[in-house]
Protein backbone atom coordinates (compact mmCIF):
# COMPACT_ATOMS: atom_id res chain seq x y z
CA MET A 1 47.09 4.33 -32.65
CA THR A 2 46.97 5.26 -28.97
CA VAL A 3 46.46 8.75 -27.60
CA TYR A 4 50.08 8.67 -26.40
CA GLY A 5 51.26 7.89 -29.93
CA VAL A 6 49.24 10.76 -31.43
CA LEU A 7 50.50 13.20 -28.78
CA GLN A 8 54.08 12.08 -29.39
CA LEU A 9 53.65 12.70 -33.12
CA LEU A 10 52.15 16.16 -32.51
CA VAL A 11 54.95 17.15 -30.14
CA PHE A 12 57.56 15.89 -32.58
CA LEU A 13 56.06 17.81 -35.52
CA SER A 14 55.67 20.99 -33.46
CA LEU A 15 59.31 20.90 -32.45
CA LEU A 16 60.37 20.14 -36.03
CA VAL A 17 58.46 23.15 -37.37
CA ALA A 18 59.96 25.32 -34.62
CA ILE A 19 63.47 24.17 -35.61
CA ALA A 20 63.04 24.52 -39.38
CA ARG A 21 62.75 28.30 -39.62
CA PRO A 22 65.72 29.50 -37.51
CA LEU A 23 67.97 26.70 -38.78
CA GLY A 24 66.95 27.31 -42.39
CA SER A 25 67.46 31.05 -42.04
CA TYR A 26 70.94 30.51 -40.62
CA MET A 27 71.91 28.03 -43.35
CA ALA A 28 70.66 30.39 -46.07
CA LYS A 29 73.00 33.09 -44.74
CA VAL A 30 75.90 30.63 -44.71
CA PHE A 31 75.15 29.44 -48.26
CA GLU A 32 74.85 33.01 -49.57
CA GLY A 33 78.11 34.05 -47.92
CA LYS A 34 76.44 36.55 -45.60
CA PRO A 35 78.08 37.25 -42.22
CA THR A 36 76.99 35.32 -39.14
CA ILE A 37 78.38 35.20 -35.62
CA LEU A 38 80.36 32.07 -36.44
CA SER A 39 81.58 33.22 -39.84
CA LYS A 40 82.91 36.47 -38.37
CA SER A 41 84.96 34.60 -35.79
CA LEU A 42 86.05 31.69 -38.03
CA LEU A 43 86.66 33.61 -41.26
CA PRO A 44 90.49 33.51 -40.85
CA LEU A 45 90.26 29.72 -40.47
CA GLU A 46 88.15 29.49 -43.63
CA HIS A 47 90.72 31.50 -45.61
CA TRP A 48 93.56 29.41 -44.17
CA ILE A 49 91.82 26.25 -45.38
CA TYR A 50 91.55 27.69 -48.89
CA ARG A 51 95.25 28.58 -48.93
CA LEU A 52 96.25 25.17 -47.59
CA CYS A 53 94.18 23.33 -50.20
CA GLY A 54 94.98 25.65 -53.08
CA VAL A 55 91.36 26.75 -53.53
CA ARG A 56 90.54 30.07 -55.18
CA PRO A 57 87.20 31.03 -53.58
CA ASP A 58 86.55 33.77 -56.14
CA VAL A 59 86.59 31.31 -59.08
CA GLU A 60 83.22 29.67 -59.75
CA GLN A 61 82.47 26.47 -61.67
CA THR A 62 80.11 25.27 -64.37
CA TRP A 63 77.84 22.34 -63.57
CA ALA A 64 80.27 19.89 -65.19
CA ALA A 65 83.24 21.22 -63.20
CA TYR A 66 81.14 21.22 -60.02
CA ALA A 67 80.13 17.59 -60.63
CA GLY A 68 83.74 16.64 -61.43
CA ALA A 69 84.97 18.15 -58.17
CA CYS A 70 82.27 16.26 -56.25
CA LEU A 71 83.24 12.97 -57.92
CA ALA A 72 86.96 13.52 -57.34
CA PHE A 73 86.27 14.29 -53.67
CA GLY A 74 84.27 11.08 -53.38
CA ILE A 75 87.04 8.97 -54.94
CA VAL A 76 89.66 10.35 -52.53
CA ASN A 77 87.35 9.68 -49.57
CA PHE A 78 86.69 6.12 -50.74
CA LEU A 79 90.37 5.27 -51.16
CA SER A 80 91.41 6.79 -47.83
CA LEU A 81 88.72 4.94 -45.89
CA TYR A 82 89.36 1.65 -47.70
CA LEU A 83 93.08 1.78 -46.86
CA LEU A 84 92.39 2.73 -43.24
CA LEU A 85 90.02 -0.22 -42.81
CA ARG A 86 92.40 -2.70 -44.41
CA MET A 87 95.32 -1.51 -42.25
CA GLN A 88 93.55 -0.72 -38.97
CA GLY A 89 95.58 -3.37 -37.16
CA PHE A 90 98.71 -1.24 -37.58
CA PHE A 91 97.25 1.95 -36.10
CA PRO A 92 96.68 3.09 -32.48
CA LEU A 93 93.39 3.48 -30.60
CA ASN A 94 92.69 -0.19 -31.17
CA PRO A 95 92.38 -1.71 -27.67
CA GLN A 96 90.53 -4.75 -29.06
CA HIS A 97 93.38 -5.38 -31.58
CA PHE A 98 91.03 -5.64 -34.56
CA GLY A 99 92.84 -6.45 -37.79
CA SER A 100 95.76 -8.07 -35.97
CA GLY A 101 96.58 -11.57 -34.81
CA GLN A 102 95.58 -10.66 -31.26
CA ALA A 103 91.91 -9.92 -31.97
CA PRO A 104 89.48 -11.53 -29.50
CA ALA A 105 87.45 -14.57 -30.43
CA GLY A 106 84.34 -13.69 -32.40
CA ALA A 107 85.82 -10.51 -33.88
CA GLY A 108 84.73 -9.76 -37.43
CA GLN A 109 87.19 -10.13 -40.30
CA MET A 110 87.88 -7.10 -42.52
CA THR A 111 87.80 -8.84 -45.90
CA PRO A 112 88.42 -6.88 -49.14
CA ASP A 113 84.75 -7.02 -50.18
CA LEU A 114 83.58 -5.85 -46.74
CA ALA A 115 86.09 -2.98 -46.72
CA PHE A 116 84.86 -2.00 -50.21
CA ASN A 117 81.25 -2.04 -49.01
CA ILE A 118 81.99 0.02 -45.89
CA ALA A 119 84.09 2.57 -47.79
CA VAL A 120 81.41 3.04 -50.47
CA SER A 121 78.67 3.10 -47.86
CA PHE A 122 80.06 6.01 -45.85
CA MET A 123 81.49 7.87 -48.84
CA THR A 124 77.99 7.97 -50.34
CA ASN A 125 76.38 8.91 -46.99
CA THR A 126 74.48 5.60 -46.98
CA SER A 127 76.00 3.95 -43.91
CA TRP A 128 74.71 0.53 -44.80
CA GLN A 129 76.26 -1.88 -42.30
CA SER A 130 76.76 -5.58 -42.94
CA TYR A 131 79.09 -5.76 -39.94
CA ALA A 132 78.93 -5.27 -36.17
CA GLY A 133 80.75 -2.04 -35.34
CA GLU A 134 81.81 -3.02 -31.83
CA ARG A 135 83.30 -6.32 -33.10
CA THR A 136 84.91 -5.13 -36.35
CA LEU A 137 86.18 -1.53 -36.21
CA SER A 138 88.83 0.05 -33.98
CA TYR A 139 88.17 3.36 -32.25
CA LEU A 140 90.43 5.08 -34.79
CA SER A 141 88.48 3.54 -37.69
CA GLN A 142 85.24 4.70 -36.08
CA MET A 143 86.46 8.28 -35.55
CA LEU A 144 88.95 8.99 -38.34
CA GLY A 145 87.12 6.79 -40.83
CA ILE A 146 83.39 6.55 -40.20
CA ALA A 147 82.79 9.86 -38.39
CA VAL A 148 84.96 11.92 -40.76
CA GLN A 149 83.25 10.39 -43.79
CA SER A 150 79.92 11.27 -42.21
CA PHE A 151 80.98 14.94 -42.19
CA THR A 152 82.44 15.00 -45.69
CA SER A 153 79.68 13.07 -47.46
CA THR A 154 76.99 15.16 -45.74
CA ALA A 155 78.70 18.42 -46.63
CA ALA A 156 79.07 17.27 -50.25
CA GLY A 157 75.33 16.54 -50.49
CA MET A 158 74.47 19.94 -49.00
CA ALA A 159 76.87 21.65 -51.41
CA VAL A 160 75.15 20.07 -54.41
CA ALA A 161 71.76 21.19 -53.08
CA ILE A 162 73.10 24.76 -52.86
CA ALA A 163 74.21 24.56 -56.51
CA VAL A 164 70.75 23.31 -57.53
CA ILE A 165 69.11 26.26 -55.74
CA ARG A 166 71.42 28.65 -57.60
CA GLY A 167 70.11 27.19 -60.84
CA PHE A 168 66.75 28.81 -60.03
CA VAL A 169 68.10 31.99 -58.47
CA ARG A 170 70.62 33.02 -61.12
CA GLU A 171 69.94 33.69 -64.79
CA LYS A 172 71.85 34.05 -68.06
CA THR A 173 75.11 32.68 -66.67
CA ARG A 174 77.08 29.44 -66.57
CA TRP A 175 78.26 29.52 -62.97
CA LEU A 176 76.82 27.49 -60.09
CA GLY A 177 79.37 28.43 -57.43
CA ASN A 178 82.49 26.71 -56.16
CA PHE A 179 82.16 23.17 -54.78
CA TRP A 180 85.15 23.54 -52.46
CA VAL A 181 83.85 26.78 -50.97
CA ASP A 182 80.37 25.35 -50.41
CA LEU A 183 81.89 22.18 -48.91
CA THR A 184 84.06 24.17 -46.50
CA ARG A 185 81.26 26.46 -45.35
CA CYS A 186 78.82 23.60 -44.79
CA THR A 187 81.37 21.75 -42.67
CA LEU A 188 82.80 24.71 -40.78
CA TYR A 189 79.68 26.75 -40.08
CA VAL A 190 76.88 24.16 -40.00
CA LEU A 191 77.98 20.60 -39.26
CA LEU A 192 80.86 21.10 -36.82
CA PRO A 193 79.20 23.57 -34.40
CA PHE A 194 75.87 21.76 -34.46
CA CYS A 195 77.56 18.41 -33.83
CA VAL A 196 79.39 19.81 -30.81
CA CYS A 197 76.05 20.94 -29.37
CA ALA A 198 74.35 17.66 -30.31
CA GLY A 199 77.17 15.59 -28.81
CA LEU A 200 76.92 17.47 -25.51
CA LEU A 201 73.14 17.06 -25.54
CA LEU A 202 73.38 13.31 -26.13
CA SER A 203 76.05 12.92 -23.45
CA SER A 204 73.80 14.72 -20.97
CA LEU A 205 71.01 12.27 -21.85
CA GLY A 206 73.18 9.24 -21.06
CA VAL A 207 74.98 8.34 -24.32
CA ILE A 208 78.49 7.15 -23.42
CA GLN A 209 81.75 8.83 -24.54
CA ASN A 210 85.08 7.24 -23.56
CA PHE A 211 88.18 5.48 -24.90
CA ARG A 212 88.15 2.54 -22.52
CA PRO A 213 88.58 -1.05 -23.75
CA ASN A 214 85.59 -3.36 -23.61
CA ARG A 215 84.75 -4.52 -20.10
CA GLN A 216 84.19 -8.07 -18.97
CA VAL A 217 81.64 -8.38 -16.20
CA THR A 218 79.95 -11.19 -14.31
CA THR A 219 76.17 -11.25 -14.57
CA VAL A 220 73.76 -12.09 -11.75
CA GLU A 221 73.56 -15.63 -13.12
CA GLY A 222 77.33 -15.95 -12.93
CA ALA A 223 77.98 -15.82 -16.68
CA ARG A 224 80.70 -13.68 -18.26
CA GLN A 225 79.56 -10.82 -20.51
CA VAL A 226 81.51 -8.31 -22.61
CA ILE A 227 80.28 -4.70 -22.30
CA PRO A 228 81.43 -2.61 -25.30
CA MET A 229 82.83 0.86 -24.69
CA GLY A 230 83.91 3.72 -26.97
CA PRO A 231 83.45 7.34 -28.14
CA VAL A 232 79.78 6.96 -28.98
CA ALA A 233 78.18 10.38 -28.38
CA SER A 234 80.52 12.23 -30.75
CA GLN A 235 79.85 9.78 -33.58
CA GLU A 236 76.15 9.61 -32.78
CA ALA A 237 75.83 13.37 -33.26
CA ILE A 238 77.02 13.42 -36.88
CA LYS A 239 75.33 10.11 -37.58
CA LEU A 240 71.98 11.72 -36.80
CA LEU A 241 72.55 15.27 -38.07
CA SER A 242 73.78 13.97 -41.41
CA ALA A 243 70.24 12.63 -42.02
CA GLY A 244 71.77 9.99 -44.17
CA ASP A 245 74.38 8.42 -42.03
CA GLY A 246 72.74 5.73 -39.97
CA GLY A 247 75.98 3.94 -39.19
CA GLY A 248 75.66 3.03 -35.56
CA PHE A 249 78.67 2.58 -33.29
CA PHE A 250 77.04 -0.66 -32.15
CA ASN A 251 75.41 -3.38 -34.21
CA ALA A 252 72.08 -2.73 -32.45
CA ASN A 253 72.29 0.91 -33.57
CA SER A 254 69.85 3.23 -31.75
CA ALA A 255 68.24 0.27 -30.01
CA HIS A 256 71.43 -0.06 -27.93
CA PRO A 257 71.06 1.59 -24.49
CA PHE A 258 74.50 3.21 -24.85
CA GLU A 259 73.40 4.94 -28.07
CA ASN A 260 69.79 5.69 -27.15
CA PRO A 261 69.16 5.20 -23.43
CA SER A 262 65.71 6.79 -22.82
CA PRO A 263 62.51 8.16 -24.40
CA ALA A 264 64.00 11.66 -24.07
CA SER A 265 67.07 10.68 -26.10
CA ASN A 266 64.77 8.90 -28.56
CA LEU A 267 62.86 12.15 -29.22
CA ALA A 268 66.10 14.13 -29.45
CA GLU A 269 67.57 11.68 -31.97
CA MET A 270 64.49 11.82 -34.21
CA LEU A 271 64.64 15.62 -34.21
CA LEU A 272 68.35 15.56 -35.05
CA ILE A 273 67.68 13.25 -38.00
CA LEU A 274 65.18 15.60 -39.64
CA ALA A 275 66.58 18.96 -38.48
CA ILE A 276 68.80 19.74 -41.49
CA PRO A 277 66.43 18.36 -44.19
CA ALA A 278 63.59 20.41 -42.68
CA GLY A 279 65.78 23.49 -42.42
CA MET A 280 66.91 23.07 -46.04
CA THR A 281 63.34 23.59 -47.26
CA TYR A 282 63.13 26.95 -45.48
CA ALA A 283 66.58 27.89 -46.76
CA PHE A 284 65.34 27.03 -50.28
CA GLY A 285 62.36 29.36 -49.95
CA ARG A 286 64.49 32.17 -48.56
CA MET A 287 67.15 31.86 -51.27
CA VAL A 288 64.62 31.84 -54.15
CA GLY A 289 62.92 34.88 -52.62
CA ASP A 290 59.59 33.28 -51.69
CA HIS A 291 59.18 31.64 -48.29
CA ARG A 292 55.93 30.01 -49.42
CA GLN A 293 57.86 27.82 -51.86
CA GLY A 294 59.91 26.35 -49.04
CA TRP A 295 56.93 25.84 -46.76
CA THR A 296 55.04 24.07 -49.56
CA LEU A 297 57.86 21.56 -49.97
CA PHE A 298 58.06 21.14 -46.20
CA ALA A 299 54.29 20.57 -45.99
CA ALA A 300 54.43 17.90 -48.73
CA MET A 301 57.19 16.07 -46.87
CA ALA A 302 55.39 16.43 -43.53
CA LEU A 303 52.08 15.17 -44.93
CA LEU A 304 53.71 11.99 -46.26
CA LEU A 305 55.53 11.58 -42.93
CA VAL A 306 52.36 11.95 -40.88
CA CYS A 307 50.38 9.52 -43.04
CA GLY A 308 53.13 6.92 -42.79
CA SER A 309 53.46 7.41 -39.03
CA LEU A 310 49.74 6.97 -38.45
CA ILE A 311 49.58 3.78 -40.52
CA ILE A 312 52.63 2.22 -38.85
CA GLY A 313 51.48 3.27 -35.38
CA TRP A 314 47.96 1.91 -35.93
CA SER A 315 49.22 -1.38 -37.35
CA GLU A 316 51.76 -1.93 -34.58
CA GLN A 317 49.30 -1.00 -31.84
CA LYS A 318 46.72 -3.39 -33.28
CA GLY A 319 49.24 -6.22 -33.03
CA ASN A 320 49.37 -9.62 -34.67
CA PRO A 321 45.94 -11.17 -35.36
CA ALA A 322 47.52 -14.64 -35.17
CA LEU A 323 48.15 -14.19 -31.44
CA PRO A 324 45.37 -15.00 -28.97
CA VAL A 325 45.90 -11.76 -26.98
CA ALA A 326 45.07 -8.51 -28.77
CA ASP A 327 47.91 -6.25 -27.73
CA ALA A 328 50.57 -4.04 -29.27
CA ASN A 329 53.25 -5.76 -31.31
CA MET A 330 56.33 -5.60 -29.06
CA GLU A 331 58.41 -8.22 -30.85
CA GLY A 332 61.84 -6.81 -31.71
CA LYS A 333 61.24 -3.57 -29.77
CA GLU A 334 62.70 -2.02 -26.64
CA THR A 335 60.25 -1.68 -23.76
CA ARG A 336 61.68 1.74 -22.86
CA PHE A 337 60.34 3.10 -26.17
CA GLY A 338 57.18 1.02 -26.55
CA ALA A 339 55.29 0.39 -29.78
CA ALA A 340 54.55 4.09 -30.34
CA GLY A 341 58.14 5.28 -29.93
CA SER A 342 59.46 2.50 -32.16
CA ALA A 343 56.81 3.11 -34.83
CA LEU A 344 57.56 6.83 -35.11
CA PHE A 345 61.32 6.22 -35.13
CA SER A 346 60.97 3.67 -37.94
CA GLU A 347 58.97 6.16 -40.01
CA VAL A 348 61.52 8.92 -39.42
CA SER A 349 64.38 6.56 -40.23
CA THR A 350 62.98 5.26 -43.51
CA ALA A 351 61.34 8.51 -44.61
CA SER A 352 64.62 10.33 -44.22
CA SER A 353 67.84 8.99 -45.64
CA ASP A 354 69.10 8.09 -42.19
CA GLY A 355 69.44 4.41 -41.46
CA ALA A 356 69.38 4.65 -37.68
CA VAL A 357 66.89 2.17 -36.20
CA ASN A 358 65.70 1.58 -32.64
CA ALA A 359 63.84 -1.67 -33.35
CA VAL A 360 64.09 -4.72 -35.61
CA HIS A 361 62.12 -3.82 -38.73
CA THR A 362 61.66 -7.44 -39.76
CA SER A 363 59.49 -7.89 -36.64
CA PHE A 364 57.05 -5.14 -37.62
CA THR A 365 53.67 -6.10 -39.07
CA PRO A 366 53.54 -6.50 -42.87
CA LEU A 367 51.47 -3.32 -43.25
CA ALA A 368 54.08 -1.34 -41.30
CA SER A 369 56.83 -2.94 -43.40
CA LEU A 370 54.95 -1.88 -46.54
CA VAL A 371 55.06 1.75 -45.40
CA GLN A 372 58.77 1.48 -44.57
CA MET A 373 59.57 0.06 -48.02
CA PHE A 374 57.36 2.64 -49.71
CA ASN A 375 59.37 5.36 -47.97
CA LEU A 376 62.62 3.88 -49.27
CA THR A 377 61.36 3.52 -52.83
CA THR A 378 60.16 7.14 -53.11
CA GLY A 379 63.79 8.18 -53.62
CA GLU A 380 64.49 10.40 -50.58
CA VAL A 381 61.44 12.59 -51.25
CA ILE A 382 60.15 12.52 -47.66
CA PHE A 383 62.79 14.79 -46.09
CA GLY A 384 65.57 12.49 -47.33
CA GLY A 385 69.21 13.24 -46.63
CA ALA A 386 70.93 16.51 -45.83
CA GLY A 387 70.87 18.19 -49.22
CA THR A 388 69.85 15.19 -51.27
CA GLY A 389 66.38 15.26 -49.74
CA LEU A 390 65.83 18.79 -51.01
CA ILE A 391 67.18 17.80 -54.44
CA SER A 392 64.72 14.88 -54.61
CA ILE A 393 61.65 16.93 -53.67
CA VAL A 394 62.65 19.68 -56.13
CA LEU A 395 62.93 17.08 -58.91
CA VAL A 396 59.44 15.84 -58.01
CA ALA A 397 58.20 19.44 -58.11
CA ILE A 398 59.64 19.81 -61.63
CA LEU A 399 57.93 16.58 -62.66
CA THR A 400 54.69 17.88 -61.15
CA VAL A 401 54.70 21.16 -63.07
CA PHE A 402 55.53 19.25 -66.26
CA ILE A 403 52.55 16.91 -65.80
CA ALA A 404 50.31 19.86 -64.88
CA GLY A 405 51.54 21.75 -67.95
CA LEU A 406 50.59 18.84 -70.19
CA MET A 407 47.13 18.74 -68.62
CA VAL A 408 46.40 22.42 -69.32
CA GLY A 409 48.30 22.59 -72.62
CA ARG A 410 51.07 25.08 -71.84
CA THR A 411 54.85 25.00 -71.46
CA PRO A 412 55.60 24.35 -67.79
CA ASP A 413 57.81 26.56 -65.68
CA TYR A 414 58.97 26.35 -62.07
CA LEU A 415 60.13 29.39 -60.10
CA GLY A 416 60.33 31.41 -63.28
CA LYS A 417 62.46 28.91 -65.22
CA ARG A 418 60.96 27.13 -68.23
CA ILE A 419 61.08 23.32 -68.03
CA GLU A 420 61.98 21.88 -71.42
CA ALA A 421 63.13 18.61 -73.00
CA ARG A 422 66.69 18.69 -71.64
CA GLU A 423 65.54 19.03 -68.02
CA MET A 424 62.94 16.29 -68.38
CA LYS A 425 65.43 13.87 -69.94
CA MET A 426 67.77 14.32 -67.00
CA LEU A 427 64.88 13.99 -64.55
CA VAL A 428 63.61 10.75 -66.11
CA PHE A 429 67.17 9.42 -66.15
CA SER A 430 67.39 10.09 -62.41
CA LEU A 431 64.08 8.31 -61.77
CA LEU A 432 65.20 5.27 -63.75
CA ALA A 433 68.56 5.25 -62.00
CA HIS A 434 66.70 4.90 -58.71
CA SER A 435 64.27 2.14 -59.66
CA ILE A 436 66.19 -0.07 -62.12
CA PRO A 437 69.11 -1.00 -59.79
CA ILE A 438 66.71 -2.10 -57.04
CA LEU A 439 64.69 -4.38 -59.29
CA VAL A 440 67.64 -5.69 -61.33
CA ALA A 441 69.79 -6.51 -58.29
CA MET A 442 66.88 -8.16 -56.53
CA GLY A 443 65.99 -10.19 -59.62
CA ALA A 444 69.61 -11.24 -60.19
CA THR A 445 69.88 -12.40 -56.58
CA LEU A 446 66.78 -14.55 -56.93
CA VAL A 447 67.63 -15.97 -60.36
CA LEU A 448 71.31 -16.75 -59.87
CA HIS A 449 72.13 -19.90 -57.96
CA PHE A 450 75.47 -19.96 -56.17
CA ARG A 451 77.57 -23.04 -55.70
CA PRO A 452 77.33 -24.07 -52.01
CA GLY A 453 80.50 -23.01 -50.26
CA GLY A 454 81.63 -20.97 -53.26
CA TYR A 455 83.25 -17.56 -53.20
CA TRP A 456 80.31 -15.30 -54.07
CA ASN A 457 77.94 -16.52 -51.38
CA PRO A 458 79.67 -18.92 -48.98
CA PRO A 459 76.46 -20.08 -47.22
CA GLY A 460 75.16 -21.39 -50.57
CA ASP A 461 72.23 -20.13 -52.62
CA VAL A 462 70.26 -17.02 -51.68
CA ALA A 463 67.92 -18.99 -49.41
CA ALA A 464 70.90 -19.83 -47.18
CA SER A 465 71.42 -16.10 -46.49
CA LEU A 466 67.79 -15.53 -45.47
CA VAL A 467 66.28 -16.25 -42.07
CA ASN A 468 62.75 -16.26 -43.49
CA HIS A 469 61.27 -17.77 -46.63
CA GLY A 470 58.14 -16.95 -48.62
CA PRO A 471 56.89 -13.34 -48.88
CA HIS A 472 58.83 -12.24 -45.81
CA GLY A 473 62.09 -13.47 -47.30
CA LEU A 474 61.30 -11.49 -50.46
CA SER A 475 60.70 -8.44 -48.26
CA GLU A 476 64.15 -8.89 -46.71
CA LEU A 477 65.75 -8.77 -50.16
CA LEU A 478 63.61 -5.87 -51.40
CA TYR A 479 64.30 -3.82 -48.29
CA ALA A 480 68.07 -4.39 -48.48
CA ASN A 481 68.32 -3.32 -52.12
CA ALA A 482 65.97 -0.35 -51.66
CA SER A 483 67.90 0.78 -48.59
CA ALA A 484 71.16 0.71 -50.57
CA VAL A 485 69.89 2.64 -53.61
CA ALA A 486 68.04 5.14 -51.43
CA THR A 487 71.34 5.73 -49.56
CA ASN A 488 69.36 4.98 -46.42
CA GLY A 489 71.41 2.26 -44.78
CA SER A 490 68.77 0.94 -42.39
CA SER A 491 68.44 -2.81 -42.01
CA PHE A 492 65.30 -4.89 -42.19
CA GLY A 493 67.03 -7.83 -40.52
CA GLY A 494 67.00 -11.50 -41.37
CA LEU A 495 69.52 -11.23 -44.22
CA ASN A 496 73.18 -12.23 -43.95
CA ALA A 497 74.52 -9.47 -46.19
CA ASN A 498 78.19 -9.92 -45.29
CA THR A 499 79.07 -12.07 -48.29
CA PRO A 500 81.01 -11.05 -51.42
CA TRP A 501 77.82 -11.06 -53.52
CA PHE A 502 75.82 -8.74 -51.29
CA ASN A 503 78.80 -6.56 -50.36
CA LEU A 504 79.59 -5.90 -54.02
CA THR A 505 76.02 -5.55 -55.35
CA THR A 506 74.83 -3.26 -52.56
CA GLY A 507 78.06 -1.26 -52.92
CA LEU A 508 77.35 -0.68 -56.61
CA GLU A 509 73.76 0.24 -55.79
CA MET A 510 74.94 2.85 -53.29
CA LEU A 511 77.18 4.44 -55.93
CA ILE A 512 74.32 4.54 -58.43
CA GLY A 513 71.81 5.87 -55.90
CA ARG A 514 74.16 8.67 -54.84
CA PHE A 515 75.82 9.91 -58.00
CA LEU A 516 73.06 9.26 -60.51
CA LEU A 517 70.91 11.57 -58.42
CA ILE A 518 73.59 14.24 -57.98
CA ILE A 519 74.88 14.40 -61.56
CA PRO A 520 71.46 14.73 -63.32
CA ALA A 521 70.40 17.31 -60.71
CA LEU A 522 73.52 19.39 -61.42
CA ALA A 523 72.93 19.03 -65.17
CA ILE A 524 69.40 20.37 -64.71
CA ALA A 525 70.73 23.25 -62.59
CA GLY A 526 73.36 23.97 -65.26
CA SER A 527 70.63 24.17 -67.89
CA LEU A 528 68.30 26.34 -65.81
CA VAL A 529 70.97 28.82 -64.77
CA ARG A 530 71.48 29.82 -68.43
CA LYS A 531 67.82 30.73 -68.88
CA PRO A 532 66.20 34.11 -68.18
CA ALA A 533 63.55 34.33 -65.50
CA MET A 534 60.00 34.34 -66.85
CA ALA A 535 57.41 36.80 -65.61
CA VAL A 536 54.45 35.45 -63.65
CA THR A 537 51.23 35.64 -65.68
CA ALA A 538 47.62 34.62 -65.23
CA GLY A 539 48.45 31.30 -66.88
CA THR A 540 51.34 30.45 -64.54
CA LEU A 541 50.70 27.44 -62.34
CA PRO A 542 50.94 28.50 -58.66
CA THR A 543 53.71 26.45 -57.07
CA SER A 544 52.84 27.32 -53.50
CA GLY A 545 49.71 26.45 -51.59
CA GLY A 546 47.37 23.53 -51.14
CA LEU A 547 46.83 22.66 -54.81
CA PHE A 548 50.51 22.26 -55.63
CA LEU A 549 51.05 20.44 -52.33
CA THR A 550 48.40 17.90 -53.34
CA LEU A 551 49.94 17.51 -56.79
CA ILE A 552 53.42 16.86 -55.34
CA VAL A 553 52.12 14.22 -52.94
CA GLY A 554 50.03 12.63 -55.71
CA SER A 555 52.99 12.53 -58.10
CA THR A 556 55.19 10.90 -55.46
CA VAL A 557 52.64 8.21 -54.63
CA LEU A 558 51.75 7.59 -58.28
CA VAL A 559 55.33 7.21 -59.56
CA THR A 560 56.36 4.99 -56.65
CA ALA A 561 53.26 2.78 -56.89
CA LEU A 562 53.54 2.30 -60.65
CA THR A 563 57.22 1.36 -60.37
CA PHE A 564 57.26 -0.93 -57.36
CA PHE A 565 53.70 -2.24 -57.03
CA PRO A 566 54.52 -5.78 -58.31
CA ALA A 567 57.50 -6.16 -55.97
CA LEU A 568 55.61 -4.77 -52.97
CA SER A 569 52.61 -6.96 -53.79
CA LEU A 570 54.70 -10.15 -53.69
CA GLY A 571 56.26 -9.13 -50.38
CA PRO A 572 54.47 -7.21 -47.61
CA VAL A 573 51.05 -7.05 -49.33
CA VAL A 574 50.79 -10.83 -49.72
CA GLU A 575 52.18 -11.33 -46.23
CA GLN A 576 49.52 -9.03 -44.76
CA PHE A 577 46.75 -11.16 -46.27
CA LEU A 578 48.46 -14.38 -45.22
CA MET A 579 48.88 -13.10 -41.66
CA HIS A 580 45.13 -12.54 -41.37
CA ALA A 581 44.60 -15.99 -42.89
CA ARG A 582 47.12 -17.32 -40.34
CA VAL A 583 49.29 -18.99 -42.97
CA VAL A 584 52.84 -19.47 -41.66
CA PHE A 585 55.89 -20.26 -43.80
CA PRO A 586 58.55 -22.53 -42.30
């Protein structure tokens, strides 16, 4: 890794640490209902929203009622977005006439299976895209559909994280708060004001924002080219701040110069992706009454992020040994970012739950691809999404204290709450719900053979949907399924996923990856909130500091490696050895 790459990483981490504390402190005040400058001025609006929606803010919910409200909210969001997508041809703000008989040549078709996939994707905060945004969605679908879902799904994930924190803070009660109150406060006091600031920042850095129709221009060579337009900066802001909503306005995502025009915007976008997940760790420490707890979780995430960044940066800078010139691997990358900027962005994208990409991941070296897929298969532990990332790292912390308790022969406890059989059953269920869908869906895709030209996979069998064969083709499938279950949404490339088979299977994986993390986490919180807080004794395992940090990182690596080692070995690991042996698959 070059000196420039190391300096870029240091600057990025320094800015992230500087952001985490004030943002986390502010969010903790919002979550606890304490007054802030915004809440004082917008409190009448908050109360008006409650009256309009029939919400009683003074009535709290049990974990089951909280989970039911979250599920009901998700169903309504799914249905509203699905109907909007299917009927976008009848609505305004559609200068390209998508969904009507006047759509331009080459426009994407909004089939039922694609609409299902898109609606599930953004309702679950995954933002997996098997379509080209500028050739498929109207401006209204982008704003009222995609951008609004980015707000609502992000706020729902943050609300669940708040409820999980309350499971540790409160004792001898049944109540975890009110989902609708938490949802409203997250949207009104965190996401909306920050997105306004982020949108203005991105616009000042060159990201476009307009409602003009696509432009046709004549190139220097005399050819005709279509230049896409649209309200990009406003959608880009929530796409990045949601830390789980990588749905780009354009098919090229953050590699497109209208979404990410310069190295300065590239750094700003990476910081926006990790800002809320980083701040959530500090908010966690403040709400449980021990800042060290939050910083320990942040340090564990940051350590995994730094290790992954260094490996990807070193591998990409070393280049491809099959080429005669030893130089950085620039295939599939934008020259304005270089190998270092693309490597760090890919680590941030896959380590978080945000699927924004500024390079083609299928063109990265196999070792770099291995790190990217490892990040996806950890289950949002490395910062993850807004809210869901904190939930994931807390679940790993519970697993860590349980393993440590077995090693020293005492009943484990975390933050004063005893960890017993019920909590561990829910935790193991969540771990299985993350790994099994990836492996089962991938295996089913490889085993089942589709009739050429049939409904489920019109190109034919699975090989017809892949650009590459051999280990790299397996990596394309593994990455796609891992990205869906991890609610990441980033694309490896090389896979034609816009077929009924992939739209339906990845859609089901997104639902599993989202709700079978949220529901077990709420069940654990509902169990913990009933328990009394235990006093700290000489036998209590310290859950802050270097020892516990090492145990968390070790648990993450161990569980991920044991679960996915065979699949990773047949994909990027084999390809890395073959690349050095200069074996090329047709």
